[in-house]
Amino acid sequence: MSDTVRVRVKDGVLEPLERMNLPEGKEVVISVVRVVEDPDEEAFLRSAGSWKGLINVEEFIRQVYEDRLLNSREEPKL
């Protein structure tokens, strides 16, 4: 079972920003995922159109739809 809870670091201690439904004294494992607060919008805008001229878009789209028709899964054994 897993839950996602936002926390804030204060003096090296994780403080939950919302109530957690855990019994007192329960041990848990925490995975830390850092939240990007200020995305680099300029980098995003600079990358716009960077693939232009490198691929044939119509051919790429045609190939994607063609590949969707291929059946690459094995027949399930029941």
C-alpha atoms as a PDB file:
ATOM      1  CA  MET A   1       0.000   0.000   0.000  1.00  0.00           C
ATOM      2  CA  SER A   2       1.287   3.489  -0.763  1.00  0.00           C
ATOM      3  CA  ASP A   3       0.157   7.055  -0.261  1.00  0.00           C
ATOM      4  CA  THR A   4       1.478  10.350  -1.535  1.00  0.00           C
ATOM      5  CA  VAL A   5       1.856  13.098   1.047  1.00  0.00           C
ATOM      6  CA  ARG A   6       3.425  16.501   0.562  1.00  0.00           C
ATOM      7  CA  VAL A   7       5.982  17.426   3.196  1.00  0.00           C
ATOM      8  CA  ARG A   8       8.253  20.360   3.942  1.00  0.00           C
ATOM      9  CA  VAL A   9      11.834  20.101   5.183  1.00  0.00           C
ATOM     10  CA  LYS A  10      12.425  22.157   8.327  1.00  0.00           C
ATOM     11  CA  ASP A  11      15.748  21.930  10.167  1.00  0.00           C
ATOM     12  CA  GLY A  12      16.444  18.611   8.437  1.00  0.00           C
ATOM     13  CA  VAL A  13      13.115  17.101   9.517  1.00  0.00           C
ATOM     14  CA  LEU A  14      10.240  16.220   7.175  1.00  0.00           C
ATOM     15  CA  GLU A  15       7.009  17.893   8.307  1.00  0.00           C
ATOM     16  CA  PRO A  16       3.794  16.627   6.680  1.00  0.00           C
ATOM     17  CA  LEU A  17       1.652  19.348   5.117  1.00  0.00           C
ATOM     18  CA  GLU A  18      -1.467  17.224   5.517  1.00  0.00           C
ATOM     19  CA  ARG A  19      -2.789  14.640   7.934  1.00  0.00           C
ATOM     20  CA  MET A  20      -1.544  11.087   7.407  1.00  0.00           C
ATOM     21  CA  ASN A  21      -3.718   8.093   8.232  1.00  0.00           C
ATOM     22  CA  LEU A  22      -1.046   6.060  10.061  1.00  0.00           C
ATOM     23  CA  PRO A  23      -1.165   4.410  13.470  1.00  0.00           C
ATOM     24  CA  GLU A  24       1.073   6.009  16.110  1.00  0.00           C
ATOM     25  CA  GLY A  25       4.514   4.389  16.163  1.00  0.00           C
ATOM     26  CA  LYS A  26       4.102   2.733  12.746  1.00  0.00           C
ATOM     27  CA  GLU A  27       7.336   2.473  10.760  1.00  0.00           C
ATOM     28  CA  VAL A  28       7.152   3.420   7.092  1.00  0.00           C
ATOM     29  CA  VAL A  29       9.581   3.727   4.186  1.00  0.00           C
ATOM     30  CA  ILE A  30       9.721   7.116   2.470  1.00  0.00           C
ATOM     31  CA  SER A  31      10.788   7.753  -1.140  1.00  0.00           C
ATOM     32  CA  VAL A  32      11.805  11.361  -1.735  1.00  0.00           C
ATOM     33  CA  VAL A  33      10.850  12.994  -5.034  1.00  0.00           C
ATOM     34  CA  ARG A  34      11.943  16.593  -5.336  1.00  0.00           C
ATOM     35  CA  VAL A  35       9.386  19.080  -6.640  1.00  0.00           C
ATOM     36  CA  VAL A  36      10.612  21.501  -9.274  1.00  0.00           C
ATOM     37  CA  GLU A  37       9.351  24.876  -8.127  1.00  0.00           C
ATOM     38  CA  ASP A  38      10.712  27.086 -10.912  1.00  0.00           C
ATOM     39  CA  PRO A  39      10.733  25.218 -14.220  1.00  0.00           C
ATOM     40  CA  ASP A  40      13.094  26.700 -16.773  1.00  0.00           C
ATOM     41  CA  GLU A  41      10.466  28.050 -19.168  1.00  0.00           C
ATOM     42  CA  GLU A  42      13.125  29.711 -21.305  1.00  0.00           C
ATOM     43  CA  ALA A  43      14.787  26.340 -21.952  1.00  0.00           C
ATOM     44  CA  PHE A  44      11.409  24.920 -22.924  1.00  0.00           C
ATOM     45  CA  LEU A  45      10.786  27.759 -25.360  1.00  0.00           C
ATOM     46  CA  ARG A  46      14.316  27.467 -26.820  1.00  0.00           C
ATOM     47  CA  SER A  47      13.700  23.785 -27.562  1.00  0.00           C
ATOM     48  CA  ALA A  48      10.500  24.484 -29.522  1.00  0.00           C
ATOM     49  CA  GLY A  49      10.929  23.398 -33.125  1.00  0.00           C
ATOM     50  CA  SER A  50      14.288  21.732 -32.530  1.00  0.00           C
ATOM     51  CA  TRP A  51      13.161  18.613 -34.459  1.00  0.00           C
ATOM     52  CA  LYS A  52      12.007  20.645 -37.449  1.00  0.00           C
ATOM     53  CA  GLY A  53      13.646  19.426 -40.618  1.00  0.00           C
ATOM     54  CA  LEU A  54      15.187  16.366 -38.938  1.00  0.00           C
ATOM     55  CA  ILE A  55      12.295  13.997 -39.581  1.00  0.00           C
ATOM     56  CA  ASN A  56       9.469  13.699 -42.083  1.00  0.00           C
ATOM     57  CA  VAL A  57       6.482  14.233 -39.787  1.00  0.00           C
ATOM     58  CA  GLU A  58       3.906  12.733 -42.130  1.00  0.00           C
ATOM     59  CA  GLU A  59       6.044   9.589 -42.595  1.00  0.00           C
ATOM     60  CA  PHE A  60       6.595   9.331 -38.830  1.00  0.00           C
ATOM     61  CA  ILE A  61       2.849   9.537 -38.106  1.00  0.00           C
ATOM     62  CA  ARG A  62       2.082   7.006 -40.852  1.00  0.00           C
ATOM     63  CA  GLN A  63       4.659   4.609 -39.367  1.00  0.00           C
ATOM     64  CA  VAL A  64       3.235   4.996 -35.844  1.00  0.00           C
ATOM     65  CA  TYR A  65      -0.260   4.058 -37.022  1.00  0.00           C
ATOM     66  CA  GLU A  66       1.079   1.214 -39.148  1.00  0.00           C
ATOM     67  CA  ASP A  67       3.023  -0.200 -36.186  1.00  0.00           C
ATOM     68  CA  ARG A  68      -0.120  -0.129 -34.053  1.00  0.00           C
ATOM     69  CA  LEU A  69      -1.662  -2.686 -36.396  1.00  0.00           C
ATOM     70  CA  LEU A  70       1.116  -5.234 -35.808  1.00  0.00           C
ATOM     71  CA  ASN A  71       0.277  -8.002 -33.372  1.00  0.00           C
ATOM     72  CA  SER A  72       3.505  -8.766 -31.530  1.00  0.00           C
ATOM     73  CA  ARG A  73       1.958 -10.500 -28.514  1.00  0.00           C
ATOM     74  CA  GLU A  74       2.030 -14.241 -28.146  1.00  0.00           C
ATOM     75  CA  GLU A  75      -1.258 -16.092 -27.921  1.00  0.00           C
ATOM     76  CA  PRO A  76      -2.010 -16.596 -24.179  1.00  0.00           C
ATOM     77  CA  LYS A  77      -1.885 -20.187 -22.982  1.00  0.00           C
ATOM     78  CA  LEU A  78      -5.000 -20.913 -20.954  1.00  0.00           C
END
